[in-house]
PDB file of N, CA and C in Angstrom:
ATOM      1  N   MET A   1      96.527 274.959 174.601  1.00  0.00           N
ATOM      2  CA  MET A   1      97.115 275.777 173.559  1.00  0.00           C
ATOM      3  C   MET A   1      97.943 274.908 172.633  1.00  0.00           C
ATOM      4  N   PHE A   2      97.830 275.145 171.375  1.00  0.00           N
ATOM      5  CA  PHE A   2      98.677 274.449 170.409  1.00  0.00           C
ATOM      6  C   PHE A   2      99.808 275.365 170.019  1.00  0.00           C
ATOM      7  N   CYS A   3     100.991 274.909 170.189  1.00  0.00           N
ATOM      8  CA  CYS A   3     102.154 275.655 169.744  1.00  0.00           C
ATOM      9  C   CYS A   3     103.362 274.762 169.905  1.00  0.00           C
ATOM     10  N   TYR A   4     104.326 274.922 169.053  1.00  0.00           N
ATOM     11  CA  TYR A   4     105.559 274.164 169.145  1.00  0.00           C
ATOM     12  C   TYR A   4     106.218 274.469 170.482  1.00  0.00           C
ATOM     13  N   ASN A   5     106.550 273.457 171.237  1.00  0.00           N
ATOM     14  CA  ASN A   5     107.116 273.644 172.574  1.00  0.00           C
ATOM     15  C   ASN A   5     108.634 273.739 172.508  1.00  0.00           C
ATOM     16  N   GLU A   6     109.136 274.839 172.962  1.00  0.00           N
ATOM     17  CA  GLU A   6     110.567 275.066 172.989  1.00  0.00           C
ATOM     18  C   GLU A   6     110.885 275.871 174.238  1.00  0.00           C
ATOM     19  N   ALA A   7     111.925 275.537 174.935  1.00  0.00           N
ATOM     20  CA  ALA A   7     112.193 276.113 176.255  1.00  0.00           C
ATOM     21  C   ALA A   7     113.037 277.380 176.236  1.00  0.00           C
ATOM     22  N   ARG A   8     113.232 278.000 175.100  1.00  0.00           N
ATOM     23  CA  ARG A   8     114.030 279.228 175.062  1.00  0.00           C
ATOM     24  C   ARG A   8     113.145 280.445 175.278  1.00  0.00           C
ATOM     25  N   GLU A   9     113.742 281.490 175.772  1.00  0.00           N
ATOM     26  CA  GLU A   9     113.037 282.749 176.001  1.00  0.00           C
ATOM     27  C   GLU A   9     113.046 283.606 174.736  1.00  0.00           C
ATOM     28  N   VAL A  10     111.979 284.372 174.549  1.00  0.00           N
ATOM     29  CA  VAL A  10     111.961 285.349 173.467  1.00  0.00           C
ATOM     30  C   VAL A  10     112.799 286.530 173.940  1.00  0.00           C
ATOM     31  N   SER A  11     113.697 286.966 173.106  1.00  0.00           N
ATOM     32  CA  SER A  11     114.510 288.123 173.470  1.00  0.00           C
ATOM     33  C   SER A  11     114.690 288.994 172.241  1.00  0.00           C
ATOM     34  N   GLY A  12     115.213 290.161 172.447  1.00  0.00           N
ATOM     35  CA  GLY A  12     115.450 291.048 171.324  1.00  0.00           C
ATOM     36  C   GLY A  12     114.368 292.092 171.200  1.00  0.00           C
ATOM     37  N   PRO A  13     114.068 292.517 169.966  1.00  0.00           N
ATOM     38  CA  PRO A  13     113.177 293.651 169.736  1.00  0.00           C
ATOM     39  C   PRO A  13     111.784 293.512 170.339  1.00  0.00           C
ATOM     40  N   LEU A  14     111.256 292.282 170.413  1.00  0.00           N
ATOM     41  CA  LEU A  14     109.907 292.117 170.943  1.00  0.00           C
ATOM     42  C   LEU A  14     109.809 292.640 172.371  1.00  0.00           C
ATOM     43  N   GLU A  15     110.911 292.587 173.110  1.00  0.00           N
ATOM     44  CA  GLU A  15     110.910 293.058 174.487  1.00  0.00           C
ATOM     45  C   GLU A  15     110.641 294.558 174.573  1.00  0.00           C
ATOM     46  N   ASP A  16     110.835 295.289 173.490  1.00  0.00           N
ATOM     47  CA  ASP A  16     110.624 296.732 173.488  1.00  0.00           C
ATOM     48  C   ASP A  16     109.146 297.108 173.389  1.00  0.00           C
ATOM     49  N   LEU A  17     108.300 296.176 173.014  1.00  0.00           N
ATOM     50  CA  LEU A  17     106.889 296.468 172.830  1.00  0.00           C
ATOM     51  C   LEU A  17     106.164 296.570 174.168  1.00  0.00           C
ATOM     52  N   LEU A  18     105.049 297.286 174.163  1.00  0.00           N
ATOM     53  CA  LEU A  18     104.201 297.430 175.336  1.00  0.00           C
ATOM     54  C   LEU A  18     103.729 296.049 175.794  1.00  0.00           C
ATOM     55  N   LYS A  19     103.878 295.765 177.071  1.00  0.00           N
ATOM     56  CA  LYS A  19     103.417 294.500 177.643  1.00  0.00           C
ATOM     57  C   LYS A  19     102.037 294.721 178.252  1.00  0.00           C
ATOM     58  N   LEU A  20     101.082 293.903 177.819  1.00  0.00           N
ATOM     59  CA  LEU A  20      99.720 294.025 178.313  1.00  0.00           C
ATOM     60  C   LEU A  20      99.422 292.975 179.371  1.00  0.00           C
ATOM     61  N   GLY A  21      98.487 293.321 180.228  1.00  0.00           N
ATOM     62  CA  GLY A  21      97.973 292.415 181.242  1.00  0.00           C
ATOM     63  C   GLY A  21      96.639 292.948 181.720  1.00  0.00           C
ATOM     64  N   GLN A  22      96.064 292.276 182.688  1.00  0.00           N
ATOM     65  CA  GLN A  22      94.760 292.686 183.212  1.00  0.00           C
ATOM     66  C   GLN A  22      94.793 294.121 183.736  1.00  0.00           C
ATOM     67  N   SER A  23      95.922 294.513 184.351  1.00  0.00           N
ATOM     68  CA  SER A  23      96.006 295.826 184.995  1.00  0.00           C
ATOM     69  C   SER A  23      95.987 296.999 184.019  1.00  0.00           C
ATOM     70  N   ASN A  24      96.481 296.808 182.785  1.00  0.00           N
ATOM     71  CA  ASN A  24      96.512 297.935 181.842  1.00  0.00           C
ATOM     72  C   ASN A  24      95.673 297.693 180.582  1.00  0.00           C
ATOM     73  N   TRP A  25      94.928 296.612 180.524  1.00  0.00           N
ATOM     74  CA  TRP A  25      94.143 296.261 179.338  1.00  0.00           C
ATOM     75  C   TRP A  25      93.120 297.354 178.988  1.00  0.00           C
ATOM     76  N   GLU A  26      92.357 297.789 179.967  1.00  0.00           N
ATOM     77  CA  GLU A  26      91.310 298.781 179.694  1.00  0.00           C
ATOM     78  C   GLU A  26      91.911 300.085 179.162  1.00  0.00           C
ATOM     79  N   THR A  27      92.937 300.584 179.818  1.00  0.00           N
ATOM     80  CA  THR A  27      93.560 301.843 179.415  1.00  0.00           C
ATOM     81  C   THR A  27      94.242 301.739 178.057  1.00  0.00           C
ATOM     82  N   GLU A  28      95.038 300.694 177.867  1.00  0.00           N
ATOM     83  CA  GLU A  28      95.873 300.583 176.670  1.00  0.00           C
ATOM     84  C   GLU A  28      95.153 300.029 175.446  1.00  0.00           C
ATOM     85  N   VAL A  29      94.059 299.286 175.659  1.00  0.00           N
ATOM     86  CA  VAL A  29      93.357 298.662 174.529  1.00  0.00           C
ATOM     87  C   VAL A  29      91.945 299.217 174.375  1.00  0.00           C
ATOM     88  N   LEU A  30      91.121 299.056 175.390  1.00  0.00           N
ATOM     89  CA  LEU A  30      89.712 299.422 175.267  1.00  0.00           C
ATOM     90  C   LEU A  30      89.488 300.927 175.158  1.00  0.00           C
ATOM     91  N   LYS A  31      90.363 301.726 175.758  1.00  0.00           N
ATOM     92  CA  LYS A  31      90.227 303.187 175.708  1.00  0.00           C
ATOM     93  C   LYS A  31      91.272 303.847 174.813  1.00  0.00           C
ATOM     94  N   ALA A  32      91.983 303.062 174.034  1.00  0.00           N
ATOM     95  CA  ALA A  32      93.039 303.603 173.169  1.00  0.00           C
ATOM     96  C   ALA A  32      92.447 304.454 172.052  1.00  0.00           C
ATOM     97  N   GLU A  33      93.113 305.555 171.768  1.00  0.00           N
ATOM     98  CA  GLU A  33      92.682 306.415 170.668  1.00  0.00           C
ATOM     99  C   GLU A  33      93.073 305.830 169.325  1.00  0.00           C
ATOM    100  N   LEU A  34      94.205 305.159 169.277  1.00  0.00           N
ATOM    101  CA  LEU A  34      94.680 304.532 168.042  1.00  0.00           C
ATOM    102  C   LEU A  34      94.200 303.079 167.979  1.00  0.00           C
ATOM    103  N   PRO A  35      94.127 302.515 166.783  1.00  0.00           N
ATOM    104  CA  PRO A  35      93.916 301.065 166.693  1.00  0.00           C
ATOM    105  C   PRO A  35      95.066 300.349 167.396  1.00  0.00           C
ATOM    106  N   VAL A  36      94.807 299.141 167.891  1.00  0.00           N
ATOM    107  CA  VAL A  36      95.801 298.390 168.657  1.00  0.00           C
ATOM    108  C   VAL A  36      95.974 296.999 168.049  1.00  0.00           C
ATOM    109  N   LEU A  37      97.221 296.627 167.805  1.00  0.00           N
ATOM    110  CA  LEU A  37      97.582 295.274 167.371  1.00  0.00           C
ATOM    111  C   LEU A  37      98.195 294.570 168.571  1.00  0.00           C
ATOM    112  N   ILE A  38      97.619 293.426 168.962  1.00  0.00           N
ATOM    113  CA  ILE A  38      98.109 292.693 170.123  1.00  0.00           C
ATOM    114  C   ILE A  38      98.592 291.318 169.682  1.00  0.00           C
ATOM    115  N   ASP A  39      99.809 291.003 170.059  1.00  0.00           N
ATOM    116  CA  ASP A  39     100.420 289.709 169.789  1.00  0.00           C
ATOM    117  C   ASP A  39     100.258 288.836 171.033  1.00  0.00           C
ATOM    118  N   PHE A  40      99.359 287.843 170.961  1.00  0.00           N
ATOM    119  CA  PHE A  40      99.211 286.858 172.032  1.00  0.00           C
ATOM    120  C   PHE A  40     100.273 285.796 171.802  1.00  0.00           C
ATOM    121  N   TRP A  41     101.172 285.609 172.765  1.00  0.00           N
ATOM    122  CA  TRP A  41     102.347 284.771 172.570  1.00  0.00           C
ATOM    123  C   TRP A  41     102.735 284.070 173.878  1.00  0.00           C
ATOM    124  N   ALA A  42     103.745 283.212 173.790  1.00  0.00           N
ATOM    125  CA  ALA A  42     104.362 282.586 174.965  1.00  0.00           C
ATOM    126  C   ALA A  42     105.840 282.375 174.654  1.00  0.00           C
ATOM    127  N   PRO A  43     106.696 282.415 175.672  1.00  0.00           N
ATOM    128  CA  PRO A  43     108.139 282.297 175.433  1.00  0.00           C
ATOM    129  C   PRO A  43     108.568 280.931 174.895  1.00  0.00           C
ATOM    130  N   TRP A  44     107.767 279.903 175.064  1.00  0.00           N
ATOM    131  CA  TRP A  44     108.106 278.555 174.603  1.00  0.00           C
ATOM    132  C   TRP A  44     107.589 278.258 173.195  1.00  0.00           C
ATOM    133  N   CYS A  45     106.948 279.206 172.572  1.00  0.00           N
ATOM    134  CA  CYS A  45     106.256 278.999 171.291  1.00  0.00           C
ATOM    135  C   CYS A  45     107.159 279.321 170.095  1.00  0.00           C
ATOM    136  N   GLY A  46     107.499 278.319 169.310  1.00  0.00           N
ATOM    137  CA  GLY A  46     108.342 278.505 168.126  1.00  0.00           C
ATOM    138  C   GLY A  46     107.755 279.459 167.100  1.00  0.00           C
ATOM    139  N   PRO A  47     106.503 279.251 166.655  1.00  0.00           N
ATOM    140  CA  PRO A  47     105.910 280.176 165.684  1.00  0.00           C
ATOM    141  C   PRO A  47     105.793 281.612 166.217  1.00  0.00           C
ATOM    142  N   CYS A  48     105.665 281.753 167.543  1.00  0.00           N
ATOM    143  CA  CYS A  48     105.630 283.101 168.132  1.00  0.00           C
ATOM    144  C   CYS A  48     106.961 283.804 167.890  1.00  0.00           C
ATOM    145  N   LYS A  49     108.045 283.048 167.980  1.00  0.00           N
ATOM    146  CA  LYS A  49     109.367 283.609 167.732  1.00  0.00           C
ATOM    147  C   LYS A  49     109.539 283.981 166.263  1.00  0.00           C
ATOM    148  N   MET A  50     108.879 283.233 165.389  1.00  0.00           N
ATOM    149  CA  MET A  50     108.969 283.520 163.961  1.00  0.00           C
ATOM    150  C   MET A  50     108.237 284.805 163.595  1.00  0.00           C
ATOM    151  N   ILE A  51     107.107 285.065 164.243  1.00  0.00           N
ATOM    152  CA  ILE A  51     106.316 286.256 163.898  1.00  0.00           C
ATOM    153  C   ILE A  51     106.779 287.494 164.661  1.00  0.00           C
ATOM    154  N   ALA A  52     107.551 287.310 165.735  1.00  0.00           N
ATOM    155  CA  ALA A  52     107.996 288.444 166.553  1.00  0.00           C
ATOM    156  C   ALA A  52     108.703 289.537 165.755  1.00  0.00           C
ATOM    157  N   PRO A  53     109.631 289.210 164.841  1.00  0.00           N
ATOM    158  CA  PRO A  53     110.281 290.283 164.076  1.00  0.00           C
ATOM    159  C   PRO A  53     109.299 291.043 163.177  1.00  0.00           C
ATOM    160  N   ILE A  54     108.292 290.354 162.680  1.00  0.00           N
ATOM    161  CA  ILE A  54     107.272 291.010 161.849  1.00  0.00           C
ATOM    162  C   ILE A  54     106.488 292.001 162.697  1.00  0.00           C
ATOM    163  N   VAL A  55     106.106 291.579 163.887  1.00  0.00           N
ATOM    164  CA  VAL A  55     105.357 292.459 164.790  1.00  0.00           C
ATOM    165  C   VAL A  55     106.190 293.696 165.124  1.00  0.00           C
ATOM    166  N   GLN A  56     107.466 293.498 165.378  1.00  0.00           N
ATOM    167  CA  GLN A  56     108.354 294.625 165.684  1.00  0.00           C
ATOM    168  C   GLN A  56     108.463 295.578 164.489  1.00  0.00           C
ATOM    169  N   GLU A  57     108.608 295.038 163.294  1.00  0.00           N
ATOM    170  CA  GLU A  57     108.688 295.876 162.090  1.00  0.00           C
ATOM    171  C   GLU A  57     107.406 296.678 161.905  1.00  0.00           C
ATOM    172  N   LEU A  58     106.272 296.053 162.148  1.00  0.00           N
ATOM    173  CA  LEU A  58     104.994 296.751 162.013  1.00  0.00           C
ATOM    174  C   LEU A  58     104.872 297.876 163.036  1.00  0.00           C
ATOM    175  N   ALA A  59     105.380 297.652 164.239  1.00  0.00           N
ATOM    176  CA  ALA A  59     105.356 298.698 165.265  1.00  0.00           C
ATOM    177  C   ALA A  59     106.134 299.923 164.792  1.00  0.00           C
ATOM    178  N   GLN A  60     107.255 299.690 164.141  1.00  0.00           N
ATOM    179  CA  GLN A  60     108.065 300.792 163.635  1.00  0.00           C
ATOM    180  C   GLN A  60     107.409 301.456 162.433  1.00  0.00           C
ATOM    181  N   GLU A  61     106.889 300.667 161.503  1.00  0.00           N
ATOM    182  CA  GLU A  61     106.282 301.207 160.288  1.00  0.00           C
ATOM    183  C   GLU A  61     105.017 302.018 160.561  1.00  0.00           C
ATOM    184  N   TYR A  62     104.250 301.602 161.562  1.00  0.00           N
ATOM    185  CA  TYR A  62     102.979 302.264 161.849  1.00  0.00           C
ATOM    186  C   TYR A  62     103.045 303.148 163.092  1.00  0.00           C
ATOM    187  N   ASP A  63     104.249 303.505 163.514  1.00  0.00           N
ATOM    188  CA  ASP A  63     104.430 304.348 164.686  1.00  0.00           C
ATOM    189  C   ASP A  63     103.613 305.631 164.547  1.00  0.00           C
ATOM    190  N   GLY A  64     102.820 305.921 165.566  1.00  0.00           N
ATOM    191  CA  GLY A  64     101.981 307.116 165.546  1.00  0.00           C
ATOM    192  C   GLY A  64     100.606 306.883 164.946  1.00  0.00           C
ATOM    193  N   ARG A  65     100.433 305.739 164.263  1.00  0.00           N
ATOM    194  CA  ARG A  65      99.124 305.429 163.661  1.00  0.00           C
ATOM    195  C   ARG A  65      98.516 304.155 164.227  1.00  0.00           C
ATOM    196  N   LEU A  66      99.342 303.341 164.901  1.00  0.00           N
ATOM    197  CA  LEU A  66      98.905 302.056 165.432  1.00  0.00           C
ATOM    198  C   LEU A  66      99.709 301.758 166.693  1.00  0.00           C
ATOM    199  N   LYS A  67      99.022 301.341 167.742  1.00  0.00           N
ATOM    200  CA  LYS A  67      99.699 300.894 168.955  1.00  0.00           C
ATOM    201  C   LYS A  67      99.924 299.392 168.816  1.00  0.00           C
ATOM    202  N   VAL A  68     101.139 298.940 169.097  1.00  0.00           N
ATOM    203  CA  VAL A  68     101.470 297.524 169.000  1.00  0.00           C
ATOM    204  C   VAL A  68     101.918 297.041 170.370  1.00  0.00           C
ATOM    205  N   ALA A  69     101.339 295.913 170.805  1.00  0.00           N
ATOM    206  CA  ALA A  69     101.623 295.395 172.141  1.00  0.00           C
ATOM    207  C   ALA A  69     101.674 293.874 172.105  1.00  0.00           C
ATOM    208  N   LYS A  70     102.152 293.297 173.210  1.00  0.00           N
ATOM    209  CA  LYS A  70     102.178 291.846 173.326  1.00  0.00           C
ATOM    210  C   LYS A  70     101.540 291.435 174.642  1.00  0.00           C
ATOM    211  N   LEU A  71     100.991 290.211 174.644  1.00  0.00           N
ATOM    212  CA  LEU A  71     100.358 289.673 175.834  1.00  0.00           C
ATOM    213  C   LEU A  71     100.808 288.224 175.993  1.00  0.00           C
ATOM    214  N   ASN A  72     101.470 287.937 177.098  1.00  0.00           N
ATOM    215  CA  ASN A  72     101.944 286.590 177.389  1.00  0.00           C
ATOM    216  C   ASN A  72     100.747 285.769 177.871  1.00  0.00           C
ATOM    217  N   VAL A  73     100.379 284.723 177.114  1.00  0.00           N
ATOM    218  CA  VAL A  73      99.185 283.939 177.436  1.00  0.00           C
ATOM    219  C   VAL A  73      99.347 283.159 178.740  1.00  0.00           C
ATOM    220  N   ASP A  74     100.561 282.759 179.074  1.00  0.00           N
ATOM    221  CA  ASP A  74     100.796 282.024 180.316  1.00  0.00           C
ATOM    222  C   ASP A  74     100.556 282.905 181.535  1.00  0.00           C
ATOM    223  N   GLU A  75     100.854 284.187 181.412  1.00  0.00           N
ATOM    224  CA  GLU A  75     100.699 285.121 182.522  1.00  0.00           C
ATOM    225  C   GLU A  75      99.303 285.756 182.567  1.00  0.00           C
ATOM    226  N   ASN A  76      98.520 285.590 181.506  1.00  0.00           N
ATOM    227  CA  ASN A  76      97.213 286.250 181.412  1.00  0.00           C
ATOM    228  C   ASN A  76      96.132 285.304 180.902  1.00  0.00           C
ATOM    229  N   PRO A  77      95.843 284.221 181.642  1.00  0.00           N
ATOM    230  CA  PRO A  77      94.845 283.262 181.162  1.00  0.00           C
ATOM    231  C   PRO A  77      93.432 283.841 181.083  1.00  0.00           C
ATOM    232  N   GLY A  78      93.124 284.822 181.916  1.00  0.00           N
ATOM    233  CA  GLY A  78      91.790 285.425 181.887  1.00  0.00           C
ATOM    234  C   GLY A  78      91.510 286.139 180.576  1.00  0.00           C
ATOM    235  N   LEU A  79      92.424 287.012 180.160  1.00  0.00           N
ATOM    236  CA  LEU A  79      92.245 287.732 178.898  1.00  0.00           C
ATOM    237  C   LEU A  79      92.337 286.783 177.716  1.00  0.00           C
ATOM    238  N   THR A  80      93.210 285.789 177.811  1.00  0.00           N
ATOM    239  CA  THR A  80      93.354 284.808 176.739  1.00  0.00           C
ATOM    240  C   THR A  80      92.035 284.082 176.530  1.00  0.00           C
ATOM    241  N   GLY A  81      91.405 283.650 177.607  1.00  0.00           N
ATOM    242  CA  GLY A  81      90.115 282.963 177.511  1.00  0.00           C
ATOM    243  C   GLY A  81      88.988 283.884 177.108  1.00  0.00           C
ATOM    244  N   GLN A  82      88.999 285.097 177.623  1.00  0.00           N
ATOM    245  CA  GLN A  82      87.941 286.064 177.320  1.00  0.00           C
ATOM    246  C   GLN A  82      87.838 286.334 175.826  1.00  0.00           C
ATOM    247  N   TYR A  83      88.981 286.346 175.143  1.00  0.00           N
ATOM    248  CA  TYR A  83      88.989 286.645 173.713  1.00  0.00           C
ATOM    249  C   TYR A  83      89.135 285.389 172.852  1.00  0.00           C
ATOM    250  N   GLY A  84      88.949 284.225 173.453  1.00  0.00           N
ATOM    251  CA  GLY A  84      88.902 282.983 172.704  1.00  0.00           C
ATOM    252  C   GLY A  84      90.200 282.621 171.995  1.00  0.00           C
ATOM    253  N   VAL A  85      91.326 282.974 172.591  1.00  0.00           N
ATOM    254  CA  VAL A  85      92.614 282.641 171.991  1.00  0.00           C
ATOM    255  C   VAL A  85      92.950 281.204 172.384  1.00  0.00           C
ATOM    256  N   LEU A  86      92.863 280.293 171.419  1.00  0.00           N
ATOM    257  CA  LEU A  86      93.095 278.875 171.666  1.00  0.00           C
ATOM    258  C   LEU A  86      94.417 278.393 171.100  1.00  0.00           C
ATOM    259  N   SER A  87      94.965 279.123 170.145  1.00  0.00           N
ATOM    260  CA  SER A  87      96.251 278.786 169.530  1.00  0.00           C
ATOM    261  C   SER A  87      97.092 280.046 169.476  1.00  0.00           C
ATOM    262  N   ILE A  88      98.392 279.853 169.560  1.00  0.00           N
ATOM    263  CA  ILE A  88      99.284 281.003 169.453  1.00  0.00           C
ATOM    264  C   ILE A  88     100.352 280.723 168.410  1.00  0.00           C
ATOM    265  N   PRO A  89     100.863 281.746 167.767  1.00  0.00           N
ATOM    266  CA  PRO A  89     100.523 283.146 167.986  1.00  0.00           C
ATOM    267  C   PRO A  89      99.141 283.493 167.436  1.00  0.00           C
ATOM    268  N   THR A  90      98.491 284.414 168.104  1.00  0.00           N
ATOM    269  CA  THR A  90      97.255 285.014 167.613  1.00  0.00           C
ATOM    270  C   THR A  90      97.435 286.520 167.675  1.00  0.00           C
ATOM    271  N   LEU A  91      97.121 287.188 166.585  1.00  0.00           N
ATOM    272  CA  LEU A  91      97.156 288.649 166.539  1.00  0.00           C
ATOM    273  C   LEU A  91      95.720 289.150 166.545  1.00  0.00           C
ATOM    274  N   LEU A  92      95.402 290.030 167.492  1.00  0.00           N
ATOM    275  CA  LEU A  92      94.093 290.658 167.544  1.00  0.00           C
ATOM    276  C   LEU A  92      94.257 292.133 167.247  1.00  0.00           C
ATOM    277  N   LEU A  93      93.351 292.662 166.439  1.00  0.00           N
ATOM    278  CA  LEU A  93      93.327 294.087 166.125  1.00  0.00           C
ATOM    279  C   LEU A  93      92.073 294.693 166.731  1.00  0.00           C
ATOM    280  N   PHE A  94      92.269 295.744 167.517  1.00  0.00           N
ATOM    281  CA  PHE A  94      91.162 296.457 168.136  1.00  0.00           C
ATOM    282  C   PHE A  94      91.085 297.857 167.549  1.00  0.00           C
ATOM    283  N   LYS A  95      89.862 298.334 167.389  1.00  0.00           N
ATOM    284  CA  LYS A  95      89.646 299.723 166.967  1.00  0.00           C
ATOM    285  C   LYS A  95      88.438 300.236 167.736  1.00  0.00           C
ATOM    286  N   GLY A  96      88.615 301.394 168.361  1.00  0.00           N
ATOM    287  CA  GLY A  96      87.525 301.960 169.153  1.00  0.00           C
ATOM    288  C   GLY A  96      87.110 301.070 170.309  1.00  0.00           C
ATOM    289  N   GLY A  97      88.055 300.319 170.858  1.00  0.00           N
ATOM    290  CA  GLY A  97      87.772 299.458 171.996  1.00  0.00           C
ATOM    291  C   GLY A  97      87.102 298.145 171.650  1.00  0.00           C
ATOM    292  N   ARG A  98      86.937 297.881 170.364  1.00  0.00           N
ATOM    293  CA  ARG A  98      86.264 296.643 169.931  1.00  0.00           C
ATOM    294  C   ARG A  98      87.186 295.790 169.082  1.00  0.00           C
ATOM    295  N   LEU A  99      87.039 294.489 169.221  1.00  0.00           N
ATOM    296  CA  LEU A  99      87.801 293.559 168.406  1.00  0.00           C
ATOM    297  C   LEU A  99      87.367 293.711 166.950  1.00  0.00           C
ATOM    298  N   ALA A 100      88.315 294.004 166.072  1.00  0.00           N
ATOM    299  CA  ALA A 100      88.008 294.265 164.672  1.00  0.00           C
ATOM    300  C   ALA A 100      88.539 293.184 163.732  1.00  0.00           C
ATOM    301  N   ALA A 101      89.602 292.474 164.131  1.00  0.00           N
ATOM    302  CA  ALA A 101      90.180 291.447 163.263  1.00  0.00           C
ATOM    303  C   ALA A 101      91.018 290.487 164.099  1.00  0.00           C
ATOM    304  N   ARG A 102      91.165 289.267 163.572  1.00  0.00           N
ATOM    305  CA  ARG A 102      91.930 288.221 164.243  1.00  0.00           C
ATOM    306  C   ARG A 102      92.714 287.436 163.203  1.00  0.00           C
ATOM    307  N   LEU A 103      93.982 287.202 163.510  1.00  0.00           N
ATOM    308  CA  LEU A 103      94.844 286.350 162.682  1.00  0.00           C
ATOM    309  C   LEU A 103      95.455 285.299 163.612  1.00  0.00           C
ATOM    310  N   THR A 104      95.235 284.032 163.315  1.00  0.00           N
ATOM    311  CA  THR A 104      95.746 282.956 164.165  1.00  0.00           C
ATOM    312  C   THR A 104      96.840 282.200 163.433  1.00  0.00           C
ATOM    313  N   GLY A 105      97.921 281.930 164.145  1.00  0.00           N
ATOM    314  CA  GLY A 105      99.057 281.230 163.566  1.00  0.00           C
ATOM    315  C   GLY A 105      99.997 282.205 162.880  1.00  0.00           C
ATOM    316  N   TYR A 106     101.114 281.673 162.443  1.00  0.00           N
ATOM    317  CA  TYR A 106     102.081 282.516 161.729  1.00  0.00           C
ATOM    318  C   TYR A 106     101.446 283.029 160.441  1.00  0.00           C
ATOM    319  N   ARG A 107     101.596 284.312 160.183  1.00  0.00           N
ATOM    320  CA  ARG A 107     101.084 284.927 158.961  1.00  0.00           C
ATOM    321  C   ARG A 107     102.182 285.794 158.363  1.00  0.00           C
ATOM    322  N   PRO A 108     102.271 285.828 157.035  1.00  0.00           N
ATOM    323  CA  PRO A 108     103.265 286.707 156.410  1.00  0.00           C
ATOM    324  C   PRO A 108     102.932 288.175 156.677  1.00  0.00           C
ATOM    325  N   LYS A 109     103.966 288.984 156.669  1.00  0.00           N
ATOM    326  CA  LYS A 109     103.819 290.407 156.946  1.00  0.00           C
ATOM    327  C   LYS A 109     102.775 291.063 156.039  1.00  0.00           C
ATOM    328  N   LYS A 110     102.762 290.691 154.775  1.00  0.00           N
ATOM    329  CA  LYS A 110     101.823 291.279 153.819  1.00  0.00           C
ATOM    330  C   LYS A 110     100.374 291.063 154.263  1.00  0.00           C
ATOM    331  N   GLU A 111     100.066 289.889 154.753  1.00  0.00           N
ATOM    332  CA  GLU A 111      98.704 289.588 155.195  1.00  0.00           C
ATOM    333  C   GLU A 111      98.326 290.402 156.430  1.00  0.00           C
ATOM    334  N   VAL A 112      99.259 290.542 157.363  1.00  0.00           N
ATOM    335  CA  VAL A 112      98.995 291.331 158.565  1.00  0.00           C
ATOM    336  C   VAL A 112      98.795 292.797 158.182  1.00  0.00           C
ATOM    337  N   LYS A 113      99.624 293.298 157.275  1.00  0.00           N
ATOM    338  CA  LYS A 113      99.495 294.691 156.831  1.00  0.00           C
ATOM    339  C   LYS A 113      98.141 294.950 156.170  1.00  0.00           C
ATOM    340  N   GLN A 114      97.622 293.999 155.427  1.00  0.00           N
ATOM    341  CA  GLN A 114      96.311 294.170 154.797  1.00  0.00           C
ATOM    342  C   GLN A 114      95.229 294.378 155.845  1.00  0.00           C
ATOM    343  N   LYS A 115      95.282 293.607 156.930  1.00  0.00           N
ATOM    344  CA  LYS A 115      94.309 293.765 158.012  1.00  0.00           C
ATOM    345  C   LYS A 115      94.457 295.133 158.672  1.00  0.00           C
ATOM    346  N   ILE A 116      95.699 295.542 158.899  1.00  0.00           N
ATOM    347  CA  ILE A 116      95.948 296.842 159.527  1.00  0.00           C
ATOM    348  C   ILE A 116      95.443 297.964 158.641  1.00  0.00           C
ATOM    349  N   GLU A 117      95.798 297.920 157.359  1.00  0.00           N
ATOM    350  CA  GLU A 117      95.389 298.977 156.430  1.00  0.00           C
ATOM    351  C   GLU A 117      93.871 299.106 156.354  1.00  0.00           C
ATOM    352  N   ALA A 118      93.162 298.005 156.479  1.00  0.00           N
ATOM    353  CA  ALA A 118      91.695 298.042 156.441  1.00  0.00           C
ATOM    354  C   ALA A 118      91.126 298.813 157.624  1.00  0.00           C
ATOM    355  N   LEU A 119      91.876 298.893 158.725  1.00  0.00           N
ATOM    356  CA  LEU A 119      91.398 299.611 159.917  1.00  0.00           C
ATOM    357  C   LEU A 119      91.816 301.073 159.958  1.00  0.00           C
ATOM    358  N   LEU A 120      92.864 301.421 159.264  1.00  0.00           N
ATOM    359  CA  LEU A 120      93.379 302.796 159.343  1.00  0.00           C
ATOM    360  C   LEU A 120      92.607 303.756 158.443  1.00  0.00           C
TER     361      LEU A 120
END
């Protein structure tokens, strides 16, 4: 994985988001009624910390129209590999249980919103 290595933990609003893993992936993503935005991240990743507030803002702005979740790549190597996540942060958008869009690396909020709006 390529990402700036930093030993601090992510804290704050991102902790409020749904945490995904192998145990709830099918229910929360593949069978979700709403489109799903997933933030693939790691606590040591600097750019992940930069995009975290944007992800949190999007969760609030699209509440009821979009499910927003996070997936720790260190804790979920199977899902990370299954979806070809090689760099973080990576944002994946699912609709109807299928991968619909991918954004890799830090992206401005406007760009992420354009991808979301295209799915809604």
